[in-house]
Amino acid sequence: MQRHYFISDNLDDLEAVEQELEAAGVTTPQIHVLSDNDAEVEKHHLHEVESVLKKDVVHSTEIGALIGVVAAAVVLGGAYLFGWTNSPAGWIPFIFLAVVVLGFCTWEGGLFGIQEPHHDFKRFEDVLQAGKHIFFVDVDPEQEAVLEKVAKAHPQLLKAGTGDSAPHWVVTAQQKFRQFVRWAP
C-alpha cells in the first residue's frame, strides 16, 4: 500500500471526494483527514485522524523501548562482567533493575512523543496552521487508477506527495472491526 497526500481548504469538497472513493471500493479505514479544526471535520462526517495518532507517541515509544533494551543489556552485562551476580542475591536484583530501566526508557520515549507532531505529518505543520486540511488515502496498487480519477475530478485537491502507509493488515483489521460493530446488536 502507498499513502497519497492532498491539501485542500474545502471540507465540502473533501466530503465529496471521500464519498466517491468509498463508492469506488476504497474503504473508510483507508481514508483520513488531518486538520487543526476537528469539530468541522466531524461535522462533515469525514474520517479524521485520531488525536493520539497526530502525535509521535507510538514512534517515540518504540525508540524509547529500543534504547531501554540496550540499557537493560548494559545493566545485565555490567553485572556479569563485574562479578556482582556472584553475591548471595544473584541475578534477581539486576534482572529487576534491567526491567525497570527498560520500562523507564519506554515510558520516557512515549512522554517525549506526546510533545511532538507525528513524524509523517511534520512537513504539513505550516499548511495546517494556515487553516488547510490534509487528506490522505492508503491505496493498493490496483486502486491507484481510482484515486487518480477521483483526484482529477476535484481541481481544488492539490497533490502533496506520497509516503508509507499503514500496514495492509492494520487497514484490513479496522475494516473487519467496523463490519463487526455494524453487525453486533
N, C-alpha and C. Protein backbone atom coordinates (compact mmCIF):
# COMPACT_ATOMS: atom_id res chain seq x y z
N MET A 1 0.85 -1.18 0.00
CA MET A 1 0.00 0.00 0.00
C MET A 1 0.89 1.24 0.00
N GLN A 2 0.37 2.28 -0.62
CA GLN A 2 1.07 3.55 -0.62
C GLN A 2 0.09 4.65 -0.17
N ARG A 3 0.63 5.61 0.56
CA ARG A 3 -0.18 6.73 1.06
C ARG A 3 0.00 7.92 0.13
N HIS A 4 -1.13 8.50 -0.29
CA HIS A 4 -1.12 9.70 -1.13
C HIS A 4 -1.70 10.86 -0.32
N TYR A 5 -0.95 11.96 -0.29
CA TYR A 5 -1.35 13.15 0.46
C TYR A 5 -1.87 14.21 -0.49
N PHE A 6 -2.92 14.90 -0.03
CA PHE A 6 -3.51 16.01 -0.77
C PHE A 6 -3.78 17.15 0.21
N ILE A 7 -3.77 18.37 -0.30
CA ILE A 7 -4.07 19.55 0.52
C ILE A 7 -5.33 20.20 -0.03
N SER A 8 -6.20 20.62 0.89
CA SER A 8 -7.42 21.31 0.49
C SER A 8 -7.85 22.25 1.61
N ASP A 9 -8.60 23.27 1.23
CA ASP A 9 -9.17 24.15 2.25
C ASP A 9 -10.68 24.07 2.23
N ASN A 10 -11.23 23.09 1.51
CA ASN A 10 -12.67 22.97 1.34
C ASN A 10 -13.13 21.61 1.86
N LEU A 11 -13.74 21.60 3.03
CA LEU A 11 -14.20 20.34 3.62
C LEU A 11 -15.39 19.75 2.88
N ASP A 12 -16.21 20.59 2.25
CA ASP A 12 -17.32 20.07 1.45
C ASP A 12 -16.78 19.24 0.28
N ASP A 13 -15.72 19.76 -0.35
CA ASP A 13 -15.09 19.04 -1.46
C ASP A 13 -14.48 17.73 -0.96
N LEU A 14 -13.83 17.77 0.20
CA LEU A 14 -13.23 16.56 0.75
C LEU A 14 -14.29 15.51 1.09
N GLU A 15 -15.44 15.97 1.55
CA GLU A 15 -16.54 15.04 1.83
C GLU A 15 -16.99 14.35 0.55
N ALA A 16 -17.08 15.11 -0.53
CA ALA A 16 -17.46 14.53 -1.82
C ALA A 16 -16.39 13.55 -2.32
N VAL A 17 -15.13 13.91 -2.15
CA VAL A 17 -14.04 13.02 -2.56
C VAL A 17 -14.11 11.71 -1.78
N GLU A 18 -14.31 11.81 -0.48
CA GLU A 18 -14.40 10.59 0.35
C GLU A 18 -15.56 9.71 -0.11
N GLN A 19 -16.71 10.31 -0.38
CA GLN A 19 -17.87 9.52 -0.82
C GLN A 19 -17.61 8.85 -2.17
N GLU A 20 -16.96 9.57 -3.08
CA GLU A 20 -16.65 8.99 -4.39
C GLU A 20 -15.65 7.84 -4.26
N LEU A 21 -14.65 8.00 -3.41
CA LEU A 21 -13.68 6.93 -3.21
C LEU A 21 -14.33 5.70 -2.60
N GLU A 22 -15.20 5.91 -1.61
CA GLU A 22 -15.88 4.79 -0.98
C GLU A 22 -16.81 4.09 -1.97
N ALA A 23 -17.48 4.86 -2.83
CA ALA A 23 -18.35 4.27 -3.84
C ALA A 23 -17.55 3.45 -4.85
N ALA A 24 -16.28 3.79 -5.03
CA ALA A 24 -15.42 3.09 -5.99
C ALA A 24 -14.67 1.92 -5.34
N GLY A 25 -14.93 1.65 -4.05
CA GLY A 25 -14.34 0.48 -3.40
C GLY A 25 -13.20 0.75 -2.44
N VAL A 26 -12.83 2.01 -2.23
CA VAL A 26 -11.81 2.33 -1.24
C VAL A 26 -12.53 2.37 0.11
N THR A 27 -12.03 1.62 1.08
CA THR A 27 -12.74 1.51 2.36
C THR A 27 -12.44 2.71 3.26
N THR A 28 -13.32 2.96 4.20
CA THR A 28 -13.19 4.10 5.11
C THR A 28 -11.87 4.09 5.89
N PRO A 29 -11.39 2.93 6.40
CA PRO A 29 -10.11 2.96 7.12
C PRO A 29 -8.91 3.36 6.25
N GLN A 30 -9.08 3.41 4.94
CA GLN A 30 -8.00 3.82 4.06
C GLN A 30 -7.96 5.34 3.88
N ILE A 31 -8.99 6.04 4.32
CA ILE A 31 -9.15 7.47 4.06
C ILE A 31 -9.09 8.24 5.38
N HIS A 32 -8.32 9.33 5.40
CA HIS A 32 -8.19 10.13 6.61
C HIS A 32 -8.09 11.61 6.27
N VAL A 33 -8.53 12.44 7.21
CA VAL A 33 -8.36 13.88 7.09
C VAL A 33 -7.64 14.36 8.34
N LEU A 34 -6.53 15.06 8.11
CA LEU A 34 -5.74 15.65 9.19
C LEU A 34 -6.01 17.14 9.18
N SER A 35 -6.47 17.67 10.30
CA SER A 35 -6.83 19.08 10.37
C SER A 35 -6.65 19.58 11.79
N ASP A 36 -6.43 20.88 11.91
CA ASP A 36 -6.41 21.50 13.23
C ASP A 36 -7.82 21.85 13.69
N ASN A 37 -8.81 21.70 12.81
CA ASN A 37 -10.19 22.03 13.12
C ASN A 37 -11.02 20.75 13.14
N ASP A 38 -10.85 19.97 14.20
CA ASP A 38 -11.52 18.67 14.31
C ASP A 38 -13.04 18.78 14.33
N ALA A 39 -13.56 19.84 14.92
CA ALA A 39 -15.02 20.00 15.01
C ALA A 39 -15.64 20.10 13.62
N GLU A 40 -15.04 20.86 12.73
CA GLU A 40 -15.55 20.99 11.37
C GLU A 40 -15.41 19.69 10.59
N VAL A 41 -14.32 18.99 10.80
CA VAL A 41 -14.10 17.70 10.13
C VAL A 41 -15.20 16.73 10.55
N GLU A 42 -15.51 16.72 11.84
CA GLU A 42 -16.55 15.82 12.34
C GLU A 42 -17.93 16.21 11.80
N LYS A 43 -18.20 17.51 11.68
CA LYS A 43 -19.48 17.98 11.12
C LYS A 43 -19.70 17.47 9.70
N HIS A 44 -18.61 17.34 8.95
CA HIS A 44 -18.69 16.88 7.56
C HIS A 44 -18.63 15.36 7.45
N HIS A 45 -18.63 14.67 8.59
CA HIS A 45 -18.63 13.20 8.64
C HIS A 45 -17.42 12.62 7.90
N LEU A 46 -16.29 13.28 8.04
CA LEU A 46 -15.05 12.79 7.44
C LEU A 46 -14.31 11.92 8.44
N HIS A 47 -13.53 11.00 7.95
CA HIS A 47 -12.77 10.10 8.80
C HIS A 47 -11.50 10.81 9.25
N GLU A 48 -11.54 11.36 10.46
CA GLU A 48 -10.43 12.16 10.97
C GLU A 48 -9.34 11.28 11.56
N VAL A 49 -8.15 11.86 11.68
CA VAL A 49 -7.04 11.18 12.32
C VAL A 49 -7.26 11.26 13.83
N GLU A 50 -7.13 10.14 14.51
CA GLU A 50 -7.30 10.12 15.96
C GLU A 50 -6.27 11.04 16.60
N SER A 51 -6.66 11.72 17.66
CA SER A 51 -5.78 12.72 18.27
C SER A 51 -4.47 12.11 18.76
N VAL A 52 -4.50 10.89 19.25
CA VAL A 52 -3.26 10.26 19.72
C VAL A 52 -2.33 9.98 18.55
N LEU A 53 -2.87 9.75 17.36
CA LEU A 53 -2.04 9.47 16.20
C LEU A 53 -1.50 10.73 15.54
N LYS A 54 -2.00 11.89 15.96
CA LYS A 54 -1.44 13.15 15.46
C LYS A 54 -0.10 13.43 16.13
N LYS A 55 0.11 12.80 17.24
CA LYS A 55 1.37 12.97 17.97
C LYS A 55 2.27 11.77 17.69
N ASP A 56 3.53 11.91 18.01
CA ASP A 56 4.51 10.87 17.68
C ASP A 56 4.70 9.87 18.82
N VAL A 57 3.62 9.56 19.53
CA VAL A 57 3.69 8.70 20.71
C VAL A 57 4.20 7.30 20.35
N VAL A 58 3.59 6.68 19.36
CA VAL A 58 3.94 5.30 19.04
C VAL A 58 5.40 5.21 18.58
N HIS A 59 5.79 6.05 17.65
CA HIS A 59 7.15 6.03 17.11
C HIS A 59 8.17 6.31 18.22
N SER A 60 7.92 7.32 19.03
CA SER A 60 8.86 7.66 20.11
C SER A 60 8.91 6.58 21.19
N THR A 61 7.78 5.93 21.45
CA THR A 61 7.77 4.83 22.42
C THR A 61 8.62 3.67 21.91
N GLU A 62 8.52 3.39 20.61
CA GLU A 62 9.36 2.34 20.03
C GLU A 62 10.84 2.67 20.16
N ILE A 63 11.20 3.91 19.90
CA ILE A 63 12.59 4.34 20.03
C ILE A 63 13.03 4.23 21.49
N GLY A 64 12.17 4.66 22.42
CA GLY A 64 12.47 4.54 23.84
C GLY A 64 12.66 3.09 24.25
N ALA A 65 11.84 2.20 23.70
CA ALA A 65 11.97 0.78 24.02
C ALA A 65 13.29 0.21 23.50
N LEU A 66 13.69 0.62 22.31
CA LEU A 66 14.99 0.16 21.78
C LEU A 66 16.14 0.64 22.66
N ILE A 67 16.09 1.90 23.07
CA ILE A 67 17.11 2.43 23.98
C ILE A 67 17.07 1.66 25.30
N GLY A 68 15.87 1.35 25.77
CA GLY A 68 15.71 0.59 27.00
C GLY A 68 16.29 -0.81 26.91
N VAL A 69 16.13 -1.46 25.77
CA VAL A 69 16.69 -2.81 25.58
C VAL A 69 18.22 -2.74 25.67
N VAL A 70 18.80 -1.73 25.02
CA VAL A 70 20.25 -1.57 25.07
C VAL A 70 20.70 -1.28 26.51
N ALA A 71 19.99 -0.38 27.18
CA ALA A 71 20.36 -0.02 28.56
C ALA A 71 20.21 -1.23 29.50
N ALA A 72 19.16 -2.03 29.31
CA ALA A 72 18.96 -3.22 30.13
C ALA A 72 20.08 -4.23 29.87
N ALA A 73 20.49 -4.37 28.62
CA ALA A 73 21.61 -5.27 28.30
C ALA A 73 22.90 -4.79 28.96
N VAL A 74 23.10 -3.46 28.99
CA VAL A 74 24.28 -2.91 29.65
C VAL A 74 24.24 -3.22 31.15
N VAL A 75 23.07 -3.08 31.77
CA VAL A 75 22.93 -3.39 33.20
C VAL A 75 23.28 -4.86 33.45
N LEU A 76 22.69 -5.76 32.67
CA LEU A 76 22.94 -7.19 32.87
C LEU A 76 24.38 -7.56 32.53
N GLY A 77 24.90 -7.01 31.45
CA GLY A 77 26.28 -7.28 31.06
C GLY A 77 27.26 -6.74 32.08
N GLY A 78 27.01 -5.54 32.57
CA GLY A 78 27.88 -4.95 33.59
C GLY A 78 27.88 -5.77 34.87
N ALA A 79 26.70 -6.21 35.27
CA ALA A 79 26.61 -7.03 36.49
C ALA A 79 27.41 -8.33 36.33
N TYR A 80 27.33 -8.92 35.17
CA TYR A 80 28.06 -10.16 34.91
C TYR A 80 29.58 -9.92 34.86
N LEU A 81 29.98 -8.88 34.11
CA LEU A 81 31.41 -8.59 33.94
C LEU A 81 32.09 -8.21 35.26
N PHE A 82 31.40 -7.50 36.11
CA PHE A 82 31.99 -7.08 37.38
C PHE A 82 31.82 -8.13 38.48
N GLY A 83 31.16 -9.22 38.14
CA GLY A 83 31.02 -10.31 39.10
C GLY A 83 30.01 -10.06 40.20
N TRP A 84 29.17 -9.08 40.04
CA TRP A 84 28.18 -8.74 41.06
C TRP A 84 27.10 -9.82 41.22
N THR A 85 26.98 -10.65 40.21
CA THR A 85 25.95 -11.70 40.27
C THR A 85 26.38 -12.87 41.14
N ASN A 86 27.64 -12.86 41.57
CA ASN A 86 28.14 -13.93 42.44
C ASN A 86 27.77 -13.70 43.91
N SER A 87 27.10 -12.60 44.18
CA SER A 87 26.68 -12.30 45.55
C SER A 87 25.53 -13.25 45.94
N PRO A 88 25.16 -13.28 47.22
CA PRO A 88 24.06 -14.16 47.64
C PRO A 88 22.73 -13.86 46.92
N ALA A 89 22.52 -12.60 46.53
CA ALA A 89 21.26 -12.25 45.86
C ALA A 89 21.24 -12.74 44.42
N GLY A 90 22.39 -12.95 43.81
CA GLY A 90 22.47 -13.48 42.45
C GLY A 90 21.99 -12.48 41.39
N TRP A 91 21.29 -13.01 40.45
CA TRP A 91 20.84 -12.22 39.30
C TRP A 91 19.58 -11.40 39.58
N ILE A 92 18.81 -11.77 40.55
CA ILE A 92 17.48 -11.18 40.79
C ILE A 92 17.49 -9.66 40.82
N PRO A 93 18.32 -8.98 41.61
CA PRO A 93 18.25 -7.51 41.63
C PRO A 93 18.63 -6.88 40.29
N PHE A 94 19.51 -7.53 39.55
CA PHE A 94 19.95 -6.96 38.27
C PHE A 94 18.90 -7.17 37.17
N ILE A 95 18.23 -8.30 37.25
CA ILE A 95 17.12 -8.52 36.31
C ILE A 95 16.01 -7.51 36.60
N PHE A 96 15.71 -7.31 37.87
CA PHE A 96 14.69 -6.34 38.25
C PHE A 96 15.09 -4.94 37.79
N LEU A 97 16.36 -4.56 38.02
CA LEU A 97 16.84 -3.25 37.57
C LEU A 97 16.76 -3.12 36.05
N ALA A 98 17.10 -4.18 35.33
CA ALA A 98 17.04 -4.15 33.86
C ALA A 98 15.60 -3.93 33.38
N VAL A 99 14.65 -4.59 34.04
CA VAL A 99 13.23 -4.42 33.67
C VAL A 99 12.79 -2.99 33.96
N VAL A 100 13.21 -2.45 35.10
CA VAL A 100 12.85 -1.07 35.46
C VAL A 100 13.46 -0.09 34.46
N VAL A 101 14.71 -0.30 34.09
CA VAL A 101 15.37 0.58 33.11
C VAL A 101 14.66 0.50 31.77
N LEU A 102 14.31 -0.70 31.32
CA LEU A 102 13.57 -0.86 30.06
C LEU A 102 12.23 -0.13 30.13
N GLY A 103 11.49 -0.33 31.20
CA GLY A 103 10.19 0.34 31.35
C GLY A 103 10.33 1.85 31.40
N PHE A 104 11.31 2.34 32.12
CA PHE A 104 11.51 3.79 32.24
C PHE A 104 11.85 4.41 30.88
N CYS A 105 12.75 3.79 30.14
CA CYS A 105 13.13 4.33 28.83
C CYS A 105 11.95 4.32 27.87
N THR A 106 11.16 3.26 27.90
CA THR A 106 9.98 3.17 27.04
C THR A 106 8.98 4.27 27.41
N TRP A 107 8.74 4.44 28.68
CA TRP A 107 7.81 5.46 29.18
C TRP A 107 8.29 6.85 28.79
N GLU A 108 9.58 7.13 28.98
CA GLU A 108 10.14 8.44 28.63
C GLU A 108 10.01 8.70 27.12
N GLY A 109 10.22 7.67 26.32
CA GLY A 109 10.04 7.82 24.87
C GLY A 109 8.63 8.24 24.54
N GLY A 110 7.65 7.60 25.18
CA GLY A 110 6.25 7.96 24.97
C GLY A 110 5.95 9.38 25.41
N LEU A 111 6.49 9.78 26.55
CA LEU A 111 6.28 11.16 27.02
C LEU A 111 6.88 12.18 26.06
N PHE A 112 8.02 11.85 25.51
CA PHE A 112 8.64 12.74 24.53
C PHE A 112 7.75 12.84 23.29
N GLY A 113 7.20 11.70 22.86
CA GLY A 113 6.36 11.66 21.67
C GLY A 113 5.07 12.44 21.79
N ILE A 114 4.53 12.55 23.01
CA ILE A 114 3.30 13.31 23.23
C ILE A 114 3.50 14.78 22.87
N GLN A 115 4.72 15.26 23.00
CA GLN A 115 5.01 16.67 22.77
C GLN A 115 5.35 16.98 21.31
N GLU A 116 5.53 15.96 20.50
CA GLU A 116 5.97 16.15 19.11
C GLU A 116 4.87 15.77 18.13
N PRO A 117 4.76 16.50 17.03
CA PRO A 117 3.82 16.05 15.99
C PRO A 117 4.32 14.75 15.37
N HIS A 118 3.42 13.99 14.84
CA HIS A 118 3.77 12.71 14.21
C HIS A 118 4.84 12.94 13.15
N HIS A 119 5.82 12.05 13.11
CA HIS A 119 6.95 12.24 12.19
C HIS A 119 6.52 12.29 10.73
N ASP A 120 5.43 11.63 10.36
CA ASP A 120 4.94 11.67 8.98
C ASP A 120 4.23 12.99 8.65
N PHE A 121 3.76 13.70 9.69
CA PHE A 121 2.96 14.90 9.47
C PHE A 121 3.72 16.20 9.71
N LYS A 122 4.97 16.12 10.15
CA LYS A 122 5.74 17.33 10.45
C LYS A 122 5.84 18.26 9.24
N ARG A 123 5.94 17.68 8.06
CA ARG A 123 6.09 18.51 6.85
C ARG A 123 4.84 19.33 6.54
N PHE A 124 3.73 19.02 7.18
CA PHE A 124 2.48 19.72 6.91
C PHE A 124 2.11 20.74 8.00
N GLU A 125 2.98 20.98 8.96
CA GLU A 125 2.64 21.88 10.07
C GLU A 125 2.24 23.27 9.58
N ASP A 126 2.99 23.83 8.65
CA ASP A 126 2.68 25.17 8.14
C ASP A 126 1.33 25.20 7.42
N VAL A 127 1.05 24.15 6.66
CA VAL A 127 -0.21 24.05 5.93
C VAL A 127 -1.39 23.99 6.91
N LEU A 128 -1.24 23.19 7.95
CA LEU A 128 -2.30 23.06 8.95
C LEU A 128 -2.51 24.37 9.71
N GLN A 129 -1.42 25.05 10.04
CA GLN A 129 -1.54 26.33 10.75
C GLN A 129 -2.19 27.40 9.87
N ALA A 130 -2.11 27.23 8.56
CA ALA A 130 -2.74 28.17 7.63
C ALA A 130 -4.24 27.88 7.49
N GLY A 131 -4.75 26.87 8.21
CA GLY A 131 -6.18 26.57 8.18
C GLY A 131 -6.58 25.58 7.12
N LYS A 132 -5.62 24.97 6.45
CA LYS A 132 -5.95 23.98 5.41
C LYS A 132 -5.99 22.59 6.03
N HIS A 133 -6.39 21.64 5.23
CA HIS A 133 -6.58 20.27 5.68
C HIS A 133 -5.74 19.33 4.82
N ILE A 134 -5.26 18.27 5.42
CA ILE A 134 -4.50 17.25 4.72
C ILE A 134 -5.41 16.04 4.56
N PHE A 135 -5.63 15.66 3.33
CA PHE A 135 -6.45 14.50 3.01
C PHE A 135 -5.49 13.42 2.53
N PHE A 136 -5.50 12.26 3.17
CA PHE A 136 -4.61 11.21 2.69
C PHE A 136 -5.32 9.88 2.60
N VAL A 137 -4.87 9.11 1.61
CA VAL A 137 -5.51 7.85 1.27
C VAL A 137 -4.44 6.78 1.13
N ASP A 138 -4.65 5.65 1.78
CA ASP A 138 -3.76 4.49 1.63
C ASP A 138 -4.40 3.57 0.58
N VAL A 139 -3.70 3.38 -0.53
CA VAL A 139 -4.28 2.58 -1.62
C VAL A 139 -3.37 1.43 -2.01
N ASP A 140 -4.00 0.34 -2.43
CA ASP A 140 -3.31 -0.78 -3.03
C ASP A 140 -2.97 -0.40 -4.47
N PRO A 141 -2.02 -1.08 -5.09
CA PRO A 141 -1.67 -0.75 -6.48
C PRO A 141 -2.86 -0.78 -7.44
N GLU A 142 -3.79 -1.70 -7.22
CA GLU A 142 -4.95 -1.78 -8.13
C GLU A 142 -5.96 -0.65 -7.89
N GLN A 143 -5.83 0.10 -6.80
CA GLN A 143 -6.72 1.22 -6.52
C GLN A 143 -6.14 2.56 -6.97
N GLU A 144 -4.91 2.56 -7.45
CA GLU A 144 -4.25 3.80 -7.86
C GLU A 144 -5.05 4.55 -8.93
N ALA A 145 -5.57 3.81 -9.91
CA ALA A 145 -6.32 4.43 -11.01
C ALA A 145 -7.59 5.10 -10.50
N VAL A 146 -8.25 4.47 -9.54
CA VAL A 146 -9.47 5.05 -8.96
C VAL A 146 -9.15 6.36 -8.27
N LEU A 147 -8.09 6.36 -7.47
CA LEU A 147 -7.69 7.57 -6.76
C LEU A 147 -7.32 8.68 -7.74
N GLU A 148 -6.59 8.33 -8.79
CA GLU A 148 -6.18 9.33 -9.79
C GLU A 148 -7.41 9.93 -10.48
N LYS A 149 -8.38 9.10 -10.82
CA LYS A 149 -9.60 9.57 -11.50
C LYS A 149 -10.39 10.52 -10.59
N VAL A 150 -10.55 10.14 -9.33
CA VAL A 150 -11.31 10.98 -8.39
C VAL A 150 -10.57 12.29 -8.13
N ALA A 151 -9.26 12.22 -7.96
CA ALA A 151 -8.47 13.43 -7.70
C ALA A 151 -8.53 14.41 -8.87
N LYS A 152 -8.53 13.89 -10.10
CA LYS A 152 -8.60 14.77 -11.28
C LYS A 152 -9.94 15.48 -11.36
N ALA A 153 -10.98 14.85 -10.84
CA ALA A 153 -12.33 15.44 -10.88
C ALA A 153 -12.49 16.56 -9.85
N HIS A 154 -11.51 16.76 -9.00
CA HIS A 154 -11.58 17.79 -7.95
C HIS A 154 -10.34 18.67 -8.04
N PRO A 155 -10.41 19.74 -8.83
CA PRO A 155 -9.22 20.58 -9.04
C PRO A 155 -8.74 21.33 -7.78
N GLN A 156 -9.60 21.47 -6.78
CA GLN A 156 -9.18 22.12 -5.53
C GLN A 156 -8.27 21.22 -4.69
N LEU A 157 -8.21 19.96 -5.03
CA LEU A 157 -7.41 18.98 -4.31
C LEU A 157 -5.98 19.01 -4.87
N LEU A 158 -5.05 19.53 -4.08
CA LEU A 158 -3.66 19.67 -4.52
C LEU A 158 -2.83 18.49 -4.05
N LYS A 159 -2.12 17.86 -4.98
CA LYS A 159 -1.24 16.75 -4.60
C LYS A 159 -0.12 17.26 -3.71
N ALA A 160 0.18 16.49 -2.66
CA ALA A 160 1.22 16.89 -1.72
C ALA A 160 2.25 15.79 -1.50
N GLY A 161 2.26 14.79 -2.36
CA GLY A 161 3.27 13.75 -2.27
C GLY A 161 2.73 12.41 -1.80
N THR A 162 3.66 11.51 -1.59
CA THR A 162 3.32 10.16 -1.15
C THR A 162 4.19 9.80 0.06
N GLY A 163 3.85 8.70 0.67
CA GLY A 163 4.61 8.23 1.82
C GLY A 163 4.24 6.80 2.16
N ASP A 164 4.79 6.33 3.25
CA ASP A 164 4.49 4.97 3.71
C ASP A 164 3.10 4.95 4.31
N SER A 165 2.38 3.89 4.03
CA SER A 165 1.02 3.78 4.55
C SER A 165 1.00 2.87 5.77
N ALA A 166 -0.16 2.80 6.36
CA ALA A 166 -0.36 1.82 7.44
C ALA A 166 -0.24 0.43 6.81
N PRO A 167 0.24 -0.53 7.56
CA PRO A 167 0.34 -1.89 7.01
C PRO A 167 -1.04 -2.40 6.56
N HIS A 168 -1.03 -3.19 5.52
CA HIS A 168 -2.28 -3.70 4.95
C HIS A 168 -3.10 -4.44 6.00
N TRP A 169 -2.45 -5.19 6.88
CA TRP A 169 -3.19 -5.95 7.89
C TRP A 169 -3.90 -5.03 8.87
N VAL A 170 -3.35 -3.84 9.14
CA VAL A 170 -3.99 -2.88 10.04
C VAL A 170 -5.28 -2.36 9.41
N VAL A 171 -5.19 -1.98 8.13
CA VAL A 171 -6.37 -1.48 7.43
C VAL A 171 -7.44 -2.56 7.34
N THR A 172 -7.04 -3.80 7.05
CA THR A 172 -7.99 -4.91 6.99
C THR A 172 -8.63 -5.16 8.35
N ALA A 173 -7.83 -5.10 9.42
CA ALA A 173 -8.38 -5.30 10.76
C ALA A 173 -9.38 -4.21 11.12
N GLN A 174 -9.08 -2.97 10.74
CA GLN A 174 -10.02 -1.87 11.01
C GLN A 174 -11.33 -2.08 10.26
N GLN A 175 -11.23 -2.54 9.01
CA GLN A 175 -12.43 -2.78 8.21
C GLN A 175 -13.25 -3.91 8.83
N LYS A 176 -12.61 -4.99 9.24
CA LYS A 176 -13.31 -6.11 9.86
C LYS A 176 -13.98 -5.67 11.17
N PHE A 177 -13.28 -4.84 11.95
CA PHE A 177 -13.84 -4.35 13.20
C PHE A 177 -15.09 -3.50 12.92
N ARG A 178 -15.02 -2.62 11.91
CA ARG A 178 -16.18 -1.79 11.56
C ARG A 178 -17.37 -2.67 11.14
N GLN A 179 -17.10 -3.73 10.38
CA GLN A 179 -18.17 -4.64 9.97
C GLN A 179 -18.77 -5.34 11.18
N PHE A 180 -17.91 -5.76 12.11
CA PHE A 180 -18.39 -6.43 13.31
C PHE A 180 -19.26 -5.51 14.15
N VAL A 181 -18.83 -4.25 14.30
CA VAL A 181 -19.58 -3.30 15.12
C VAL A 181 -20.94 -3.02 14.47
N ARG A 182 -21.00 -2.93 13.16
CA ARG A 182 -22.29 -2.72 12.49
C ARG A 182 -23.20 -3.93 12.65
N TRP A 183 -22.59 -5.14 12.66
CA TRP A 183 -23.36 -6.37 12.76
C TRP A 183 -23.84 -6.61 14.18
N ALA A 184 -23.02 -6.27 15.18
CA ALA A 184 -23.34 -6.56 16.58
C ALA A 184 -24.61 -5.80 17.00
N PRO A 185 -25.45 -6.44 17.81
CA PRO A 185 -26.68 -5.79 18.25
C PRO A 185 -26.45 -4.66 19.21
